Amino acid sequence: MKLYVGNLSFSTTEEALQAEFGAHGQVEEVALITDRETGRPRGFAFVTMNNDDEARTAIEQLNGVEVDGRAITVNEARPKSNGGGPRGGGKRW
């Protein structure tokens, strides 16, 4: 199950998230999202856990918990939507 982790401190590392979520089950992947242009963290991440029951336990145990001075938000990630971003390039006359 893929989990969304929000309200992260900009100093939170993938290793710290691995440790937090690893205490509740096997973590397959941690993806700390960064800005494409600056490389700075954007304040959220995705954590993938192999076992859905362990993932649900992690949501229950970690949602609202303070990590690096911030109360994190943890819930099941929603599928990526297809809309929203800019399309194409240049002007159209």
N, C-alpha and C. Protein backbone atom coordinates (compact mmCIF):
# COMPACT_ATOMS: atom_id res chain seq x y z
N MET A 1 0.85 -1.17 0.00
CA MET A 1 0.00 0.00 0.00
C MET A 1 0.89 1.24 0.00
N LYS A 2 0.52 2.22 -0.79
CA LYS A 2 1.27 3.46 -0.87
C LYS A 2 0.62 4.48 0.06
N LEU A 3 1.44 5.10 0.91
CA LEU A 3 0.96 6.07 1.88
C LEU A 3 1.47 7.47 1.54
N TYR A 4 0.61 8.46 1.75
CA TYR A 4 0.99 9.86 1.62
C TYR A 4 1.38 10.35 3.01
N VAL A 5 2.52 11.03 3.10
CA VAL A 5 2.99 11.58 4.37
C VAL A 5 3.19 13.08 4.15
N GLY A 6 2.39 13.89 4.82
CA GLY A 6 2.44 15.33 4.62
C GLY A 6 2.84 16.09 5.87
N ASN A 7 3.01 17.40 5.69
CA ASN A 7 3.41 18.33 6.74
C ASN A 7 4.78 17.99 7.32
N LEU A 8 5.67 17.53 6.45
CA LEU A 8 7.02 17.18 6.88
C LEU A 8 7.89 18.42 7.03
N SER A 9 8.78 18.37 7.98
CA SER A 9 9.81 19.40 8.12
C SER A 9 10.74 19.28 6.91
N PHE A 10 11.28 20.41 6.48
CA PHE A 10 12.22 20.36 5.35
C PHE A 10 13.51 19.65 5.73
N SER A 11 13.72 19.43 7.02
CA SER A 11 14.94 18.72 7.45
C SER A 11 14.73 17.21 7.58
N THR A 12 13.50 16.74 7.41
CA THR A 12 13.23 15.30 7.51
C THR A 12 13.88 14.56 6.35
N THR A 13 14.53 13.45 6.64
CA THR A 13 15.23 12.67 5.62
C THR A 13 14.48 11.38 5.30
N GLU A 14 14.83 10.77 4.17
CA GLU A 14 14.26 9.47 3.82
C GLU A 14 14.61 8.44 4.89
N GLU A 15 15.82 8.53 5.44
CA GLU A 15 16.24 7.59 6.47
C GLU A 15 15.37 7.70 7.72
N ALA A 16 15.01 8.93 8.09
CA ALA A 16 14.16 9.14 9.26
C ALA A 16 12.77 8.54 9.03
N LEU A 17 12.24 8.72 7.83
CA LEU A 17 10.92 8.15 7.51
C LEU A 17 10.99 6.62 7.47
N GLN A 18 12.08 6.10 6.93
CA GLN A 18 12.29 4.64 6.90
C GLN A 18 12.24 4.09 8.31
N ALA A 19 12.90 4.78 9.24
CA ALA A 19 12.93 4.32 10.64
C ALA A 19 11.55 4.42 11.29
N GLU A 20 10.85 5.53 11.08
CA GLU A 20 9.52 5.71 11.68
C GLU A 20 8.54 4.66 11.19
N PHE A 21 8.47 4.47 9.87
CA PHE A 21 7.51 3.53 9.31
C PHE A 21 7.98 2.09 9.47
N GLY A 22 9.29 1.87 9.47
CA GLY A 22 9.85 0.54 9.64
C GLY A 22 9.52 -0.06 10.99
N ALA A 23 9.23 0.79 11.97
CA ALA A 23 8.84 0.30 13.30
C ALA A 23 7.46 -0.36 13.27
N HIS A 24 6.72 -0.16 12.18
CA HIS A 24 5.36 -0.69 12.07
C HIS A 24 5.22 -1.76 10.99
N GLY A 25 6.32 -2.07 10.29
CA GLY A 25 6.27 -3.09 9.26
C GLY A 25 7.36 -2.90 8.23
N GLN A 26 7.34 -3.75 7.21
CA GLN A 26 8.37 -3.71 6.17
C GLN A 26 8.09 -2.58 5.19
N VAL A 27 9.07 -1.70 5.02
CA VAL A 27 8.96 -0.58 4.09
C VAL A 27 9.66 -0.96 2.79
N GLU A 28 8.93 -0.89 1.70
CA GLU A 28 9.49 -1.20 0.39
C GLU A 28 10.24 -0.01 -0.19
N GLU A 29 9.65 1.19 -0.05
CA GLU A 29 10.25 2.38 -0.66
C GLU A 29 9.82 3.63 0.08
N VAL A 30 10.74 4.59 0.17
CA VAL A 30 10.45 5.92 0.68
C VAL A 30 10.84 6.91 -0.41
N ALA A 31 9.90 7.76 -0.81
CA ALA A 31 10.18 8.77 -1.84
C ALA A 31 9.89 10.15 -1.27
N LEU A 32 10.93 10.87 -0.89
CA LEU A 32 10.81 12.23 -0.39
C LEU A 32 10.74 13.15 -1.60
N ILE A 33 9.65 13.87 -1.75
CA ILE A 33 9.43 14.66 -2.96
C ILE A 33 10.17 16.00 -2.86
N THR A 34 10.92 16.31 -3.91
CA THR A 34 11.70 17.55 -3.96
C THR A 34 11.28 18.39 -5.15
N ASP A 35 11.56 19.67 -5.07
CA ASP A 35 11.29 20.60 -6.16
C ASP A 35 12.25 20.29 -7.31
N ARG A 36 11.73 20.21 -8.51
CA ARG A 36 12.57 19.86 -9.67
C ARG A 36 13.65 20.89 -9.94
N GLU A 37 13.32 22.16 -9.74
CA GLU A 37 14.28 23.21 -10.07
C GLU A 37 15.32 23.45 -8.97
N THR A 38 14.89 23.45 -7.72
CA THR A 38 15.81 23.79 -6.63
C THR A 38 16.38 22.57 -5.92
N GLY A 39 15.69 21.43 -6.01
CA GLY A 39 16.13 20.23 -5.32
C GLY A 39 15.77 20.23 -3.84
N ARG A 40 15.08 21.28 -3.37
CA ARG A 40 14.69 21.37 -1.96
C ARG A 40 13.45 20.51 -1.71
N PRO A 41 13.35 19.95 -0.51
CA PRO A 41 12.16 19.15 -0.17
C PRO A 41 10.89 19.99 -0.26
N ARG A 42 9.78 19.35 -0.66
CA ARG A 42 8.51 20.05 -0.78
C ARG A 42 7.60 19.83 0.42
N GLY A 43 8.06 19.06 1.40
CA GLY A 43 7.29 18.89 2.63
C GLY A 43 6.35 17.70 2.64
N PHE A 44 6.51 16.81 1.65
CA PHE A 44 5.72 15.58 1.68
C PHE A 44 6.50 14.44 1.05
N ALA A 45 6.00 13.23 1.31
CA ALA A 45 6.67 12.03 0.81
C ALA A 45 5.64 10.94 0.58
N PHE A 46 6.09 9.88 -0.08
CA PHE A 46 5.28 8.68 -0.24
C PHE A 46 6.07 7.51 0.33
N VAL A 47 5.39 6.70 1.11
CA VAL A 47 6.01 5.51 1.70
C VAL A 47 5.21 4.31 1.21
N THR A 48 5.89 3.34 0.63
CA THR A 48 5.23 2.12 0.16
C THR A 48 5.56 0.99 1.11
N MET A 49 4.50 0.34 1.60
CA MET A 49 4.68 -0.80 2.51
C MET A 49 4.08 -2.03 1.84
N ASN A 50 4.75 -3.17 1.98
CA ASN A 50 4.33 -4.41 1.32
C ASN A 50 3.04 -4.97 1.86
N ASN A 51 2.82 -4.85 3.15
CA ASN A 51 1.67 -5.48 3.80
C ASN A 51 0.63 -4.42 4.14
N ASP A 52 -0.61 -4.59 3.61
CA ASP A 52 -1.67 -3.61 3.82
C ASP A 52 -2.04 -3.45 5.29
N ASP A 53 -2.03 -4.55 6.04
CA ASP A 53 -2.36 -4.46 7.47
C ASP A 53 -1.31 -3.64 8.22
N GLU A 54 -0.04 -3.84 7.88
CA GLU A 54 1.03 -3.06 8.50
C GLU A 54 0.91 -1.59 8.11
N ALA A 55 0.53 -1.34 6.86
CA ALA A 55 0.37 0.03 6.40
C ALA A 55 -0.77 0.72 7.16
N ARG A 56 -1.88 0.01 7.36
CA ARG A 56 -3.00 0.58 8.11
C ARG A 56 -2.60 0.86 9.56
N THR A 57 -1.81 -0.03 10.14
CA THR A 57 -1.31 0.19 11.49
C THR A 57 -0.42 1.43 11.53
N ALA A 58 0.44 1.59 10.54
CA ALA A 58 1.31 2.76 10.48
C ALA A 58 0.47 4.04 10.38
N ILE A 59 -0.60 4.02 9.58
CA ILE A 59 -1.48 5.19 9.48
C ILE A 59 -2.05 5.53 10.85
N GLU A 60 -2.59 4.52 11.53
CA GLU A 60 -3.20 4.73 12.85
C GLU A 60 -2.19 5.22 13.88
N GLN A 61 -0.99 4.67 13.84
CA GLN A 61 0.01 4.99 14.86
C GLN A 61 0.79 6.28 14.59
N LEU A 62 0.92 6.67 13.32
CA LEU A 62 1.78 7.80 12.99
C LEU A 62 1.05 9.07 12.59
N ASN A 63 -0.21 8.99 12.20
CA ASN A 63 -0.94 10.19 11.82
C ASN A 63 -1.06 11.12 13.03
N GLY A 64 -0.55 12.35 12.89
CA GLY A 64 -0.59 13.33 13.97
C GLY A 64 0.62 13.29 14.89
N VAL A 65 1.52 12.33 14.69
CA VAL A 65 2.72 12.20 15.53
C VAL A 65 3.74 13.26 15.10
N GLU A 66 4.48 13.78 16.07
CA GLU A 66 5.49 14.79 15.78
C GLU A 66 6.78 14.13 15.29
N VAL A 67 7.25 14.57 14.12
CA VAL A 67 8.52 14.13 13.56
C VAL A 67 9.29 15.39 13.18
N ASP A 68 10.48 15.54 13.71
CA ASP A 68 11.31 16.72 13.46
C ASP A 68 10.55 18.02 13.73
N GLY A 69 9.75 18.02 14.81
CA GLY A 69 9.06 19.23 15.23
C GLY A 69 7.75 19.53 14.53
N ARG A 70 7.28 18.64 13.66
CA ARG A 70 6.02 18.87 12.94
C ARG A 70 5.11 17.66 13.11
N ALA A 71 3.81 17.92 13.31
CA ALA A 71 2.83 16.84 13.40
C ALA A 71 2.51 16.38 11.98
N ILE A 72 2.94 15.17 11.64
CA ILE A 72 2.78 14.69 10.26
C ILE A 72 1.36 14.19 10.00
N THR A 73 0.99 14.22 8.73
CA THR A 73 -0.28 13.67 8.25
C THR A 73 0.04 12.39 7.49
N VAL A 74 -0.64 11.31 7.83
CA VAL A 74 -0.41 10.04 7.15
C VAL A 74 -1.76 9.46 6.73
N ASN A 75 -1.89 9.17 5.44
CA ASN A 75 -3.09 8.49 4.95
C ASN A 75 -2.76 7.72 3.68
N GLU A 76 -3.72 6.94 3.23
CA GLU A 76 -3.51 6.16 2.01
C GLU A 76 -3.42 7.12 0.84
N ALA A 77 -2.42 6.93 -0.01
CA ALA A 77 -2.22 7.81 -1.16
C ALA A 77 -3.34 7.59 -2.17
N ARG A 78 -3.79 8.69 -2.76
CA ARG A 78 -4.81 8.61 -3.81
C ARG A 78 -4.09 8.44 -5.14
N PRO A 79 -4.76 7.80 -6.10
CA PRO A 79 -4.14 7.65 -7.42
C PRO A 79 -3.87 9.02 -8.05
N LYS A 80 -2.80 9.10 -8.81
CA LYS A 80 -2.43 10.34 -9.47
C LYS A 80 -3.49 10.71 -10.51
N SER A 81 -3.92 11.97 -10.50
CA SER A 81 -4.93 12.40 -11.48
C SER A 81 -4.25 12.78 -12.78
N ASN A 82 -5.00 12.76 -13.86
CA ASN A 82 -4.44 13.06 -15.17
C ASN A 82 -4.53 14.53 -15.54
N GLY A 83 -5.22 15.33 -14.75
CA GLY A 83 -5.41 16.73 -15.11
C GLY A 83 -4.48 17.65 -14.37
N GLY A 84 -4.60 18.94 -14.68
CA GLY A 84 -3.96 19.92 -13.85
C GLY A 84 -2.76 20.65 -14.41
N GLY A 85 -1.76 19.96 -14.83
CA GLY A 85 -0.50 20.61 -15.18
C GLY A 85 -0.53 21.33 -16.51
N PRO A 86 0.48 22.18 -16.75
CA PRO A 86 0.56 22.88 -18.03
C PRO A 86 0.83 21.91 -19.17
N ARG A 87 0.28 22.23 -20.29
CA ARG A 87 0.45 21.37 -21.47
C ARG A 87 1.10 22.16 -22.61
N GLY A 88 1.81 21.46 -23.44
CA GLY A 88 2.39 22.07 -24.62
C GLY A 88 3.43 23.13 -24.30
N GLY A 89 3.81 23.86 -25.28
CA GLY A 89 4.80 24.92 -25.07
C GLY A 89 4.65 25.98 -26.15
N GLY A 90 5.00 27.17 -25.81
CA GLY A 90 4.93 28.25 -26.78
C GLY A 90 3.53 28.81 -26.94
N LYS A 91 3.44 29.85 -27.74
CA LYS A 91 2.14 30.51 -27.94
C LYS A 91 1.39 29.86 -29.07
N ARG A 92 0.08 29.93 -28.95
CA ARG A 92 -0.78 29.47 -30.04
C ARG A 92 -1.55 30.66 -30.56
N TRP A 93 -1.44 30.91 -31.84
CA TRP A 93 -2.10 32.08 -32.43
C TRP A 93 -3.29 31.68 -33.17
